[in-house]
Structures are given as structure tokens and as C-alpha cells.
């Protein structure tokens, strides 16, 4: 093996033909012989390039609807042969195998086929076999063979050929091989993940894959290296959003923006709504007659915590709302679109990032959540649980009013996106107190109430914001103390899962306080 090796023959077979003709034309300009298959060969010929069909090279036609075309010793022998091994060279001569120095393959569009909701048979036909096989053969023999799986690497290969007289360096081939193995691993991950959803039970083996979207300045803290990878699912949100302005997103920005957008997506089709997030927890969520009103009501829940936060909207951002948001420092605003007035207003805020998406995420769409632990990782279904109004069980003597029911369902939706133990006070479609992440549920209840008192004082109000509110708890009250604390803060109704050994005690306390309470039968722990 030597550092520089010449590229004399290239096998090209791609589904994504972006930049294909220009790349192949440049290769031909370096005297590289082009070998190809099917549609790729047709595209190259239409561009006036001379191309040899793989079937002419192997002596076998493409068969079985294209399932078999490159799975042949002439192809893989040309890829795997060690050029400095006499036995390998003799075998190539004996069996009339010519070396292949460059493989360009970007695989059947399996991920895109799944994402568009294709039927089972169509998905199966988009599982590439010959492509990954060639990629792995070429990558294994990177001492002599170049393998390209991403359009982004075309320019790098051409630059080396130009700089080295039609040769490439070992450093380039090694880097290309690493990218190639990561691509086939991610591809197999996509296939196995889709297949796992078609069978019952937890699969014996589970993998995860991604494509680098962005190298980050650092992780949660400056001493931690970090990067952002996309999984190919194309789910609306931070991974697929368009950034209009501002410096690049940080690790914490991405994490918080995702939390904000997933929460606001719960309010699709429910009128203007706004969520303000800090450290992955909402510090204010509200609806309103307009987006500007929804923002103001969310901001009024906790004006202090909103500083430097992430704002998510469920409708395209307009100028009035942008003007209101510009009143304080905000890290990121994400919305399903933005008008020219809003973009112009935000353009004057150089440190504010504006992200727009093509729509809201589907809160009912199934997905997997993975969390690394020492020696392994935990995998679970995404929490897509929702409770309809007619599924609520009234357990107290007093039934909730229609307004209380609406507010309880609103609070329950927000609670799903708050770190446990979660307590949410809501009044008239807006949070007025949020208690998150405490080890004791009663502490969360007290903290949320205290925040509401502080905000009322800051706004010059005589009564706490929680007066006449409802409360949601992400899990059951183990004792009556949390409920009593909520009642003392002015709450009139509660929504909780139920299921405690002391439910009777808690229900009795609610009745004695004149509260209405409903059970959902579902909890929303979020760790």
C-alpha cells in the first residue's frame, strides 16, 4: 500500500443524481473510465459521456427487477483485490478481473420511502443490497480504493485528483471509508428500526444512526465537545427548520428549541398559542385571541424566567407579535412560518435566532426515545398519550364547570412537557404557575404557587394569579398535602392520574375544600 494511488476506473450507481453529471464529467477529464448501471448510466450517456454497462463487464444482465446486477466476482474482485499482493494480482489476471479504483454509490432512498408512508412491499423494494455490498468492499480496501457515499465529498475527490495528477491520498481514502461505514450502519439502522415496528416485542438487537448536521461549539458546558445529528425522519422541528438570522444554535439552544416546539405542536388547530421554554421546561404557556396576546399571557406567567428563553408559536409569526417579543432578550423563536414584517423586525436583533418550519409536528406520531446509561441505553415509546374530555373521571362531589374542564385539559397538556414532579396552575387558557423537577410533589406545588404570588406583586395585583385556577399533576398525589397546598393557593379544581393507595384520603380532602377533581388514569412522568 502506498500513499498516492491513481484512479483509472470508477463504478457509479446513484439514486440521488445531484451533481452527478458535473462530477462524472470531471472524472472523465482526468482520464477515468466510467462504469455504471441502469438509470445512472442513462443519465451519463444523455450528458454525452462514454459509459460501460456493468452487465457488459460481468457478462450477466441485470435480472430479477434489478435486484441482481453488481453482486458478481468481477465487481467485488475488482474492489477487494490488494494491488500489492501477487496472489491477488494473479487471480485478477486469471479470471479477467479489472481493478475498480473509485465507487460512487448513495443507496436506494429507503428512509424517504418510509417517511412518505409507503406500503410494505414498496418499502421492501427500497432496501438496497448491491449498494451496501459494494460500499463495504471498497471501504475495506481503502488502501487502494476510494468510496464516495455523499454528494458533499465530490469536490474533495476532484480537488485531490487535480492536486496529485489523477491520484488520491491515503488520508482521503481513509476518511471516505469511515464515512462509508457510518452510512451503511445508519442505513441498516433505518431498515432494522422500521422492521422492528412490524414485529411484536422488543428486538434482540437495536441500533441508532444519524447524519452530521452541525458541529457545535461545545455541549452543555464549554469543556464538553458536541455535535448535532439528524435521523432522517424529517419531523417538523429544530432539525428541519430554516434559520433566518443569528449565530449558530448551541447544544442547549437545540435541546430547548426542540422541547418548545414539541409542546406548542400539541396546540395545532386550537387558535393562537405560545410557549416560552427555559432549560427544557415551560415557564409560560398560553392561548389568546391573537399570537401577540398569547405571547403576552405566556410571558406574564413568569417574566423573570422568560429572559433568555426559547419561544415557540403554533401559527406563523406576524409583525405585532415580533414587536412584542423584541421587548426582552430571547435566544430563539421558532414558528411555522413568518411574514415579512416579523422578519424585518427581528432583523434588527442580531443575537436573536429566528427558525421557521413547514408546519407543526404531529404529537400523536409514534417514535422512539433513547437515553444512554452506563453500559447501555434505555429505549421507550415517545409519550403520545392524550386524554379526551369524555374520558375524564369525576371523583369528587362537586363537578367541574366547563371553564374548569377546559383549563384542566390545557394544564394536563402542558404537564406532559414539564420535568417531574410537575405541577401546573392554569387560569383561562394560560399557565399562572409552573413547578418543575422537584423531588417532592408538594414542593413543586408550593414553588408554582410562590411564583404566582411573586408575579402578582410585580404586576401590582392584590390577589395571586392562582386565585380561581385549576391544577394539573403529572402523577398522583401520594398524600393530601399537595392538594391542600393548591387549595390554599386559590385553586378550585384539579386533574391528576389517580391510582394512589391514599386516593380516598385525597378525594376526601378535595371534598372538604370544595374542590372538583378528575382522574385521567394516565400519568406523564418526564425525567
Protein backbone atom coordinates (compact mmCIF):
# COMPACT_ATOMS: atom_id res chain seq x y z
CA UNK A 1 0.00 0.00 0.00
CA UNK A 2 1.27 3.46 -0.91
CA UNK A 3 0.01 6.89 -0.03
CA UNK A 4 -0.93 8.07 -3.51
CA UNK A 5 -2.81 5.73 -5.84
CA UNK A 6 -4.16 6.54 -9.30
CA UNK A 7 -7.86 6.50 -10.17
CA UNK A 8 -8.30 4.91 -13.57
CA UNK A 9 -11.73 3.28 -13.30
CA UNK A 10 -14.88 4.34 -11.45
CA UNK A 11 -18.12 2.48 -10.85
CA UNK A 12 -21.01 4.91 -10.37
CA UNK A 13 -24.54 3.87 -9.32
CA UNK A 14 -26.58 6.54 -7.53
CA UNK A 15 -30.20 7.23 -6.65
CA UNK A 16 -29.55 10.89 -5.80
CA UNK A 17 -28.18 12.34 -9.02
CA UNK A 18 -27.42 15.79 -7.61
CA UNK A 19 -24.14 16.99 -9.17
CA UNK A 20 -23.67 13.64 -10.92
CA UNK A 21 -23.03 14.89 -14.45
CA UNK A 22 -20.54 17.57 -13.39
CA UNK A 23 -18.68 15.08 -11.18
CA UNK A 24 -18.55 12.37 -13.84
CA UNK A 25 -17.51 14.87 -16.49
CA UNK A 26 -14.61 15.98 -14.30
CA UNK A 27 -13.60 12.34 -13.71
CA UNK A 28 -13.60 11.71 -17.44
CA UNK A 29 -11.43 14.78 -17.83
CA UNK A 30 -8.83 13.03 -15.67
CA UNK A 31 -8.96 10.02 -17.97
CA UNK A 32 -11.11 7.91 -15.61
CA UNK A 33 -13.12 5.13 -17.29
CA UNK A 34 -16.79 5.22 -16.21
CA UNK A 35 -18.76 2.07 -15.40
CA UNK A 36 -22.39 2.34 -14.39
CA UNK A 37 -25.83 0.76 -14.08
CA UNK A 38 -29.42 1.46 -15.14
CA UNK A 39 -30.66 5.00 -14.72
CA UNK A 40 -27.26 6.35 -13.74
CA UNK A 41 -25.70 5.08 -16.98
CA UNK A 42 -28.59 6.56 -18.97
CA UNK A 43 -28.13 9.97 -17.33
CA UNK A 44 -24.42 9.97 -18.07
CA UNK A 45 -24.91 8.96 -21.69
CA UNK A 46 -27.53 11.67 -22.18
CA UNK A 47 -24.87 14.11 -20.99
CA UNK A 48 -22.56 12.87 -23.75
CA UNK A 49 -20.25 10.76 -21.59
CA UNK A 50 -18.88 7.37 -22.56
CA UNK A 51 -20.05 4.70 -20.11
CA UNK A 52 -19.59 0.94 -19.85
CA UNK A 53 -22.55 -1.02 -18.50
CA UNK A 54 -21.86 -3.25 -15.50
CA UNK A 55 -23.64 -6.04 -17.37
CA UNK A 56 -21.04 -5.82 -20.15
CA UNK A 57 -18.29 -6.03 -17.57
CA UNK A 58 -19.73 -9.04 -15.73
CA UNK A 59 -21.21 -10.83 -18.73
CA UNK A 60 -24.54 -11.10 -16.90
CA UNK A 61 -27.59 -8.91 -17.49
CA UNK A 62 -29.40 -7.08 -14.71
CA UNK A 63 -32.05 -9.51 -13.54
CA UNK A 64 -34.88 -10.05 -11.08
CA UNK A 65 -36.20 -6.50 -11.48
CA UNK A 66 -32.75 -5.08 -10.80
CA UNK A 67 -32.25 -6.97 -7.55
CA UNK A 68 -29.15 -8.60 -9.04
CA UNK A 69 -26.73 -6.51 -11.08
CA UNK A 70 -23.49 -5.79 -9.17
CA UNK A 71 -23.37 -8.91 -6.97
CA UNK A 72 -20.66 -10.57 -9.04
CA UNK A 73 -16.98 -11.62 -8.52
CA UNK A 74 -15.86 -9.34 -11.35
CA UNK A 75 -17.21 -6.36 -9.41
CA UNK A 76 -16.17 -7.36 -5.90
CA UNK A 77 -12.88 -8.86 -7.04
CA UNK A 78 -12.09 -5.53 -8.68
CA UNK A 79 -12.86 -3.78 -5.39
CA UNK A 80 -11.28 -6.15 -2.86
CA UNK A 81 -8.06 -7.16 -4.60
CA UNK A 82 -4.90 -5.96 -2.88
CA UNK A 83 -2.84 -4.35 -5.61
CA UNK A 84 0.45 -5.17 -3.87
CA UNK A 85 -0.38 -8.85 -3.29
CA UNK A 86 0.97 -11.09 -6.07
CA UNK A 87 -1.62 -13.81 -5.43
CA UNK A 88 -4.44 -11.28 -5.73
CA UNK A 89 -2.97 -9.83 -8.91
CA UNK A 90 -2.58 -13.31 -10.41
CA UNK A 91 -6.21 -14.13 -9.56
CA UNK A 92 -7.35 -10.94 -11.27
CA UNK A 93 -5.38 -11.87 -14.37
CA UNK A 94 -6.62 -15.48 -14.40
CA UNK A 95 -10.28 -14.51 -14.06
CA UNK A 96 -10.11 -11.38 -16.23
CA UNK A 97 -10.94 -9.03 -13.34
CA UNK A 98 -10.02 -5.37 -13.81
CA UNK A 99 -9.41 -3.17 -10.75
CA UNK A 100 -12.02 -0.60 -9.72
CA UNK A 101 -10.42 2.43 -8.07
CA UNK A 102 -13.47 4.51 -7.19
CA UNK A 103 -17.00 3.57 -6.17
CA UNK A 104 -19.75 6.21 -6.06
CA UNK A 105 -22.97 4.89 -4.50
CA UNK A 106 -25.64 6.67 -2.44
CA UNK A 107 -28.16 3.86 -1.97
CA UNK A 108 -31.88 3.45 -2.64
CA UNK A 109 -33.99 6.09 -0.85
CA UNK A 110 -35.18 3.79 1.94
CA UNK A 111 -35.62 6.49 4.60
CA UNK A 112 -37.57 8.73 2.23
CA UNK A 113 -39.79 5.81 1.20
CA UNK A 114 -40.69 5.08 4.82
CA UNK A 115 -41.21 8.77 5.60
CA UNK A 116 -43.81 9.15 2.83
CA UNK A 117 -45.86 6.27 4.29
CA UNK A 118 -45.25 3.74 1.51
CA UNK A 119 -46.86 0.30 1.71
CA UNK A 120 -44.88 -2.66 3.00
CA UNK A 121 -43.99 -4.10 -0.42
CA UNK A 122 -42.68 -0.77 -1.72
CA UNK A 123 -40.54 -0.29 1.39
CA UNK A 124 -39.04 -3.75 0.93
CA UNK A 125 -38.09 -2.99 -2.67
CA UNK A 126 -36.26 0.11 -1.50
CA UNK A 127 -33.88 -1.88 0.69
CA UNK A 128 -30.58 -1.64 -1.21
CA UNK A 129 -28.45 -4.80 -1.29
CA UNK A 130 -25.86 -4.37 -4.02
CA UNK A 131 -25.05 -0.79 -2.99
CA UNK A 132 -24.08 -1.53 0.63
CA UNK A 133 -22.15 -4.58 -0.51
CA UNK A 134 -20.04 -2.51 -2.91
CA UNK A 135 -19.58 0.24 -0.34
CA UNK A 136 -18.31 -2.19 2.28
CA UNK A 137 -15.96 -3.91 -0.17
CA UNK A 138 -14.49 -0.62 -1.32
CA UNK A 139 -14.21 0.75 2.22
CA UNK A 140 -12.42 -2.38 3.45
CA UNK A 141 -9.87 -1.96 0.69
CA UNK A 142 -9.42 1.79 1.23
CA UNK A 143 -5.70 1.31 0.98
CA UNK A 144 -6.29 1.27 -2.78
CA UNK A 145 -9.95 2.16 -3.39
CA UNK A 146 -11.93 5.38 -2.94
CA UNK A 147 -15.58 5.12 -1.88
CA UNK A 148 -17.99 8.06 -2.07
CA UNK A 149 -21.46 7.88 -0.49
CA UNK A 150 -22.24 11.59 -0.08
CA UNK A 151 -22.56 14.27 -2.75
CA UNK A 152 -20.70 16.56 -0.34
CA UNK A 153 -17.49 14.57 -1.00
CA UNK A 154 -17.45 15.08 -4.79
CA UNK A 155 -15.46 18.30 -4.60
CA UNK A 156 -12.89 16.84 -2.21
CA UNK A 157 -12.16 13.91 -4.52
CA UNK A 158 -11.83 16.15 -7.55
CA UNK A 159 -9.54 18.53 -5.65
CA UNK A 160 -7.16 15.67 -4.81
CA UNK A 161 -7.18 14.34 -8.35
CA UNK A 162 -6.29 17.82 -9.62
CA UNK A 163 -3.59 18.36 -6.99
CA UNK A 164 -1.99 14.93 -7.33
CA UNK A 165 -2.06 14.26 -11.03
CA UNK A 166 -5.08 11.95 -11.03
CA UNK A 167 -4.20 10.28 -7.71
CA UNK A 168 -5.72 10.37 -4.20
CA UNK A 169 -4.07 10.27 -0.80
CA UNK A 170 -4.44 7.59 1.85
CA UNK A 171 -5.80 10.21 4.27
CA UNK A 172 -8.67 10.98 1.91
CA UNK A 173 -9.44 7.31 1.25
CA UNK A 174 -9.43 6.53 4.96
CA UNK A 175 -11.80 9.40 5.71
CA UNK A 176 -14.09 8.35 2.88
CA UNK A 177 -14.09 4.77 4.22
CA UNK A 178 -15.13 5.94 7.70
CA UNK A 179 -17.98 7.96 6.22
CA UNK A 180 -19.00 4.96 4.12
CA UNK A 181 -19.20 2.57 7.06
CA UNK A 182 -21.18 5.12 9.05
CA UNK A 183 -23.58 5.46 6.12
CA UNK A 184 -24.19 1.74 5.76
CA UNK A 185 -24.57 1.47 9.54
CA UNK A 186 -27.17 4.25 9.55
CA UNK A 187 -28.89 2.68 6.55
CA UNK A 188 -29.09 -0.70 8.27
CA UNK A 189 -30.31 1.07 11.39
CA UNK A 190 -33.15 2.64 9.42
CA UNK A 191 -34.09 -0.73 7.96
CA UNK A 192 -33.90 -2.60 11.27
CA UNK A 193 -35.83 0.14 13.11
CA UNK A 194 -38.60 0.04 10.51
CA UNK A 195 -38.65 -3.76 10.62
CA UNK A 196 -38.79 -3.73 14.44
CA UNK A 197 -42.05 -1.79 14.20
CA UNK A 198 -43.53 -4.57 12.06
CA UNK A 199 -42.95 -7.35 14.62
CA UNK A 200 -44.07 -7.84 18.20
CA UNK A 201 -41.87 -7.42 21.26
CA UNK A 202 -38.55 -5.74 21.87
CA UNK A 203 -35.98 -6.67 19.20
CA UNK A 204 -32.94 -8.60 20.43
CA UNK A 205 -30.63 -6.01 18.88
CA UNK A 206 -31.24 -2.28 18.49
CA UNK A 207 -29.14 0.37 16.76
CA UNK A 208 -29.35 4.12 16.23
CA UNK A 209 -27.85 6.17 13.43
CA UNK A 210 -27.61 9.75 12.28
CA UNK A 211 -26.03 12.17 9.84
CA UNK A 212 -23.95 15.10 10.99
CA UNK A 213 -25.94 18.29 10.67
CA UNK A 214 -23.71 20.60 12.66
CA UNK A 215 -20.50 20.54 14.69
CA UNK A 216 -21.33 22.52 17.83
CA UNK A 217 -19.09 24.96 19.67
CA UNK A 218 -19.49 22.82 22.81
CA UNK A 219 -22.04 20.75 24.69
CA UNK A 220 -23.99 21.64 27.81
CA UNK A 221 -20.78 23.17 29.18
CA UNK A 222 -17.72 24.65 27.41
CA UNK A 223 -15.46 21.74 28.35
CA UNK A 224 -17.74 19.21 26.56
CA UNK A 225 -17.38 18.51 22.83
CA UNK A 226 -20.67 18.10 20.95
CA UNK A 227 -22.32 17.72 17.56
CA UNK A 228 -25.87 17.61 16.19
CA UNK A 229 -27.02 14.68 14.06
CA UNK A 230 -30.28 14.19 12.17
CA UNK A 231 -32.04 10.83 11.94
CA UNK A 232 -33.65 11.21 8.52
CA UNK A 233 -37.23 11.21 9.84
CA UNK A 234 -37.88 14.76 8.53
CA UNK A 235 -40.14 15.52 11.52
CA UNK A 236 -41.00 19.24 11.60
CA UNK A 237 -38.94 20.95 14.28
CA UNK A 238 -35.47 22.18 15.06
CA UNK A 239 -33.75 19.55 12.87
CA UNK A 240 -35.61 20.59 9.71
CA UNK A 241 -36.21 24.29 10.39
CA UNK A 242 -34.82 27.15 8.33
CA UNK A 243 -32.69 29.60 10.30
CA UNK A 244 -33.17 33.15 9.07
CA UNK A 245 -30.70 35.03 11.23
CA UNK A 246 -28.43 34.97 14.24
CA UNK A 247 -25.37 32.93 15.16
CA UNK A 248 -25.46 29.15 15.00
CA UNK A 249 -27.51 27.26 17.54
CA UNK A 250 -25.76 25.81 20.59
CA UNK A 251 -26.31 22.40 22.16
CA UNK A 252 -28.63 23.92 24.79
CA UNK A 253 -30.44 26.02 22.17
CA UNK A 254 -31.23 22.93 20.12
CA UNK A 255 -32.38 20.95 23.16
CA UNK A 256 -34.62 23.74 24.43
CA UNK A 257 -35.99 24.63 21.00
CA UNK A 258 -36.98 21.01 20.47
CA UNK A 259 -38.80 20.99 23.83
CA UNK A 260 -40.59 24.23 22.96
CA UNK A 261 -41.71 23.12 19.51
CA UNK A 262 -42.89 19.70 20.68
CA UNK A 263 -45.01 21.42 23.35
CA UNK A 264 -46.54 24.04 21.07
CA UNK A 265 -47.34 21.38 18.48
CA UNK A 266 -49.87 19.99 20.97
CA UNK A 267 -51.99 23.08 20.19
CA UNK A 268 -52.36 22.57 16.46
CA UNK A 269 -55.69 23.93 15.24
CA UNK A 270 -56.63 25.35 18.64
CA UNK A 271 -56.19 29.04 17.93
CA UNK A 272 -53.11 31.19 18.63
CA UNK A 273 -50.81 29.73 21.30
CA UNK A 274 -47.35 30.46 22.65
CA UNK A 275 -44.88 28.53 24.81
CA UNK A 276 -41.80 30.02 26.47
CA UNK A 277 -39.15 27.48 27.49
CA UNK A 278 -36.15 27.73 29.80
CA UNK A 279 -33.87 24.73 30.44
CA UNK A 280 -36.32 22.41 28.66
CA UNK A 281 -39.19 23.38 30.99
CA UNK A 282 -42.03 25.77 30.12
CA UNK A 283 -42.08 28.96 32.19
CA UNK A 284 -45.24 30.11 30.45
CA UNK A 285 -47.81 28.69 28.03
CA UNK A 286 -50.96 30.45 26.87
CA UNK A 287 -53.62 30.86 24.24
CA UNK A 288 -55.05 34.17 23.08
CA UNK A 289 -57.23 35.91 20.54
CA UNK A 290 -54.02 36.77 18.65
CA UNK A 291 -50.45 35.48 18.75
CA UNK A 292 -49.37 38.73 20.39
CA UNK A 293 -51.93 38.22 23.15
CA UNK A 294 -50.91 34.58 23.58
CA UNK A 295 -47.27 35.66 23.94
CA UNK A 296 -48.13 38.38 26.47
CA UNK A 297 -50.19 35.95 28.58
CA UNK A 298 -47.42 33.33 28.49
CA UNK A 299 -44.84 35.98 29.40
CA UNK A 300 -46.96 37.12 32.35
CA UNK A 301 -46.73 33.68 33.95
CA UNK A 302 -43.04 34.17 34.78
CA UNK A 303 -41.44 37.29 33.35
CA UNK A 304 -38.14 36.67 35.14
CA UNK A 305 -37.53 33.18 33.78
CA UNK A 306 -38.62 34.19 30.27
CA UNK A 307 -35.47 36.33 29.90
CA UNK A 308 -33.09 34.50 27.55
CA UNK A 309 -35.68 31.84 26.84
CA UNK A 310 -36.95 30.00 23.76
CA UNK A 311 -40.31 30.97 22.27
CA UNK A 312 -42.44 28.64 20.16
CA UNK A 313 -45.62 29.66 18.33
CA UNK A 314 -48.26 27.47 16.73
CA UNK A 315 -49.01 29.91 13.91
CA UNK A 316 -46.81 31.95 11.52
CA UNK A 317 -45.12 34.84 13.29
CA UNK A 318 -46.52 38.27 12.48
CA UNK A 319 -45.14 41.76 12.95
CA UNK A 320 -47.23 42.61 16.02
CA UNK A 321 -46.03 39.51 17.85
CA UNK A 322 -42.44 40.05 16.76
CA UNK A 323 -42.60 43.60 18.13
CA UNK A 324 -43.87 42.31 21.49
CA UNK A 325 -41.20 39.59 21.69
CA UNK A 326 -38.50 42.16 20.91
CA UNK A 327 -39.16 43.78 24.27
CA UNK A 328 -36.83 41.36 26.10
CA UNK A 329 -33.78 39.30 25.22
CA UNK A 330 -34.79 36.00 23.65
CA UNK A 331 -32.44 33.28 22.40
CA UNK A 332 -34.61 31.58 19.75
CA UNK A 333 -38.07 31.97 18.22
CA UNK A 334 -39.49 29.04 16.26
CA UNK A 335 -42.77 29.10 14.36
CA UNK A 336 -44.42 27.50 11.31
CA UNK A 337 -43.56 30.48 9.14
CA UNK A 338 -43.03 34.25 9.50
CA UNK A 339 -44.23 37.23 7.49
CA UNK A 340 -42.02 39.96 6.04
CA UNK A 341 -42.82 42.41 8.86
CA UNK A 342 -41.73 39.91 11.51
CA UNK A 343 -38.52 39.07 9.66
CA UNK A 344 -37.74 42.76 9.29
CA UNK A 345 -38.30 43.48 12.98
CA UNK A 346 -36.19 40.56 14.09
CA UNK A 347 -33.50 41.56 11.60
CA UNK A 348 -32.62 44.38 13.98
CA UNK A 349 -31.90 41.83 16.75
CA UNK A 350 -28.61 40.30 15.62
CA UNK A 351 -28.37 37.85 18.55
CA UNK A 352 -31.90 36.52 18.12
CA UNK A 353 -32.27 33.33 16.07
CA UNK A 354 -35.48 33.00 14.05
CA UNK A 355 -36.37 29.50 12.88
CA UNK A 356 -39.32 28.63 10.65
CA UNK A 357 -40.74 25.22 9.83
CA UNK A 358 -43.09 23.90 7.18
CA UNK A 359 -45.68 23.02 9.81
CA UNK A 360 -46.19 21.71 13.33
CA UNK A 361 -45.06 18.29 14.50
CA UNK A 362 -47.68 15.57 14.90
CA UNK A 363 -47.95 14.95 18.67
CA UNK A 364 -49.61 11.57 18.01
CA UNK A 365 -46.86 10.28 15.70
CA UNK A 366 -45.15 7.21 17.14
CA UNK A 367 -41.41 7.42 17.74
CA UNK A 368 -38.69 6.01 19.98
CA UNK A 369 -36.87 7.79 22.78
CA UNK A 370 -33.39 6.59 23.75
CA UNK A 371 -31.32 7.55 26.79
CA UNK A 372 -27.79 6.40 27.45
CA UNK A 373 -26.91 4.87 30.79
CA UNK A 374 -23.64 3.29 31.90
CA UNK A 375 -23.14 0.15 29.88
CA UNK A 376 -26.19 0.57 27.67
CA UNK A 377 -29.20 2.66 26.81
CA UNK A 378 -32.89 2.75 27.64
CA UNK A 379 -35.42 2.76 24.81
CA UNK A 380 -39.11 3.57 25.11
CA UNK A 381 -42.02 4.77 23.01
CA UNK A 382 -42.43 8.53 22.81
CA UNK A 383 -45.17 9.76 25.15
CA UNK A 384 -48.04 10.37 22.73
CA UNK A 385 -50.74 9.82 25.34
CA UNK A 386 -53.72 12.18 25.27
CA UNK A 387 -56.96 12.29 27.24
CA UNK A 388 -60.31 13.26 25.75
CA UNK A 389 -62.79 15.21 27.82
CA UNK A 390 -65.30 12.34 27.94
CA UNK A 391 -62.58 10.02 29.31
CA UNK A 392 -62.12 12.05 32.49
CA UNK A 393 -63.50 10.53 35.69
CA UNK A 394 -65.03 12.96 38.17
CA UNK A 395 -64.23 11.64 41.67
CA UNK A 396 -65.46 14.49 43.88
CA UNK A 397 -68.90 15.60 44.98
CA UNK A 398 -68.58 18.81 43.02
CA UNK A 399 -68.34 18.51 39.25
CA UNK A 400 -66.03 20.89 37.40
CA UNK A 401 -67.50 23.72 35.35
CA UNK A 402 -66.98 23.87 31.60
CA UNK A 403 -64.28 26.51 32.06
CA UNK A 404 -62.55 24.39 34.68
CA UNK A 405 -62.65 21.37 32.37
CA UNK A 406 -61.11 23.36 29.53
CA UNK A 407 -58.38 24.69 31.78
CA UNK A 408 -57.71 21.26 33.27
CA UNK A 409 -57.19 19.74 29.83
CA UNK A 410 -54.91 22.66 28.95
CA UNK A 411 -52.93 22.16 32.15
CA UNK A 412 -52.75 18.41 31.54
CA UNK A 413 -51.30 19.00 28.07
CA UNK A 414 -48.63 21.30 29.49
CA UNK A 415 -47.81 18.90 32.34
CA UNK A 416 -46.78 16.28 29.80
CA UNK A 417 -43.87 18.57 28.82
CA UNK A 418 -42.69 19.55 32.32
CA UNK A 419 -39.99 17.67 34.21
CA UNK A 420 -41.36 15.54 37.06
CA UNK A 421 -42.57 16.19 39.64
CA UNK A 422 -44.74 18.57 37.62
CA UNK A 423 -47.45 20.87 38.96
CA UNK A 424 -49.21 23.31 36.62
CA UNK A 425 -51.64 26.07 37.63
CA UNK A 426 -53.82 27.34 34.76
CA UNK A 427 -56.48 30.01 34.53
CA UNK A 428 -58.47 30.98 31.43
CA UNK A 429 -56.19 29.15 28.99
CA UNK A 430 -52.86 30.35 30.39
CA UNK A 431 -50.38 28.98 32.88
CA UNK A 432 -50.12 31.09 36.02
CA UNK A 433 -47.68 28.91 37.94
CA UNK A 434 -45.30 26.10 36.97
CA UNK A 435 -43.49 23.83 39.42
CA UNK A 436 -40.95 21.53 37.77
CA UNK A 437 -38.36 18.92 38.61
CA UNK A 438 -38.70 18.82 42.38
CA UNK A 439 -38.08 15.68 44.41
CA UNK A 440 -41.32 16.29 46.35
CA UNK A 441 -44.67 16.92 44.66
CA UNK A 442 -45.77 19.22 47.46
CA UNK A 443 -42.61 21.28 46.91
CA UNK A 444 -43.50 21.65 43.22
CA UNK A 445 -46.97 22.78 44.28
CA UNK A 446 -45.53 25.38 46.67
CA UNK A 447 -42.92 26.65 44.21
CA UNK A 448 -45.52 27.14 41.47
CA UNK A 449 -47.78 29.00 43.88
CA UNK A 450 -44.90 31.14 45.13
CA UNK A 451 -44.02 32.14 41.57
CA UNK A 452 -47.64 33.16 41.01
CA UNK A 453 -47.54 35.34 44.13
CA UNK A 454 -44.30 36.97 43.01
CA UNK A 455 -45.72 37.72 39.57
CA UNK A 456 -48.91 39.18 41.03
CA UNK A 457 -46.82 41.51 43.21
CA UNK A 458 -44.69 42.53 40.22
CA UNK A 459 -47.86 43.31 38.25
CA UNK A 460 -49.36 45.29 41.13
CA UNK A 461 -52.20 42.82 41.72
CA UNK A 462 -53.70 42.27 45.16
CA UNK A 463 -54.57 38.58 44.62
CA UNK A 464 -52.20 35.80 43.49
CA UNK A 465 -52.54 34.69 39.89
CA UNK A 466 -53.55 31.24 41.11
CA UNK A 467 -56.80 32.54 42.61
CA UNK A 468 -59.58 30.69 40.76
CA UNK A 469 -57.15 28.49 38.83
CA UNK A 470 -57.05 24.75 38.18
CA UNK A 471 -54.11 22.45 38.87
CA UNK A 472 -52.63 19.56 36.91
CA UNK A 473 -50.30 17.00 38.45
CA UNK A 474 -48.33 14.71 36.13
CA UNK A 475 -48.66 11.82 38.61
CA UNK A 476 -50.95 11.07 41.52
CA UNK A 477 -50.86 12.94 44.82
CA UNK A 478 -49.42 10.39 47.29
CA UNK A 479 -50.79 12.42 50.18
CA UNK A 480 -53.36 15.14 50.58
CA UNK A 481 -50.77 17.78 51.47
CA UNK A 482 -50.10 18.78 47.85
CA UNK A 483 -53.82 19.16 47.15
CA UNK A 484 -54.31 21.22 50.32
CA UNK A 485 -51.41 23.49 49.29
CA UNK A 486 -53.04 24.01 45.88
CA UNK A 487 -56.36 24.85 47.55
CA UNK A 488 -54.64 27.35 49.83
CA UNK A 489 -53.16 28.99 46.72
CA UNK A 490 -56.68 29.53 45.39
CA UNK A 491 -57.14 26.55 43.06
CA UNK A 492 -60.72 25.36 42.56
CA UNK A 493 -60.20 22.15 40.58
CA UNK A 494 -57.56 19.50 39.98
CA UNK A 495 -56.68 16.98 37.30
CA UNK A 496 -54.41 14.06 38.14
CA UNK A 497 -53.93 10.40 37.16
CA UNK A 498 -55.22 8.85 40.38
CA UNK A 499 -54.08 5.43 41.49
CA UNK A 500 -52.54 6.24 44.86
CA UNK A 501 -53.06 3.97 47.86
CA UNK A 502 -54.43 7.10 49.54
CA UNK A 503 -56.80 8.21 46.78
CA UNK A 504 -59.70 8.10 49.24
CA UNK A 505 -57.85 10.41 51.60
CA UNK A 506 -57.04 12.83 48.78
CA UNK A 507 -60.64 12.78 47.45
CA UNK A 508 -61.93 13.44 50.97
CA UNK A 509 -59.61 16.44 51.33
CA UNK A 510 -60.83 17.76 47.97
CA UNK A 511 -64.45 17.43 49.04
CA UNK A 512 -63.76 19.17 52.35
CA UNK A 513 -62.12 22.05 50.47
CA UNK A 514 -64.99 22.24 47.96
CA UNK A 515 -62.74 21.35 45.04
CA UNK A 516 -63.65 19.50 41.87
CA UNK A 517 -61.23 16.77 40.87
CA UNK A 518 -60.95 14.42 37.90
CA UNK A 519 -58.78 11.36 37.31
CA UNK A 520 -57.18 10.66 33.94
CA UNK A 521 -55.95 7.12 34.57
CA UNK A 522 -52.75 8.13 32.76
CA UNK A 523 -49.59 9.74 34.09
CA UNK A 524 -46.96 11.84 32.29
CA UNK A 525 -43.63 11.32 34.07
CA UNK A 526 -40.80 13.12 32.26
CA UNK A 527 -37.28 12.63 33.55
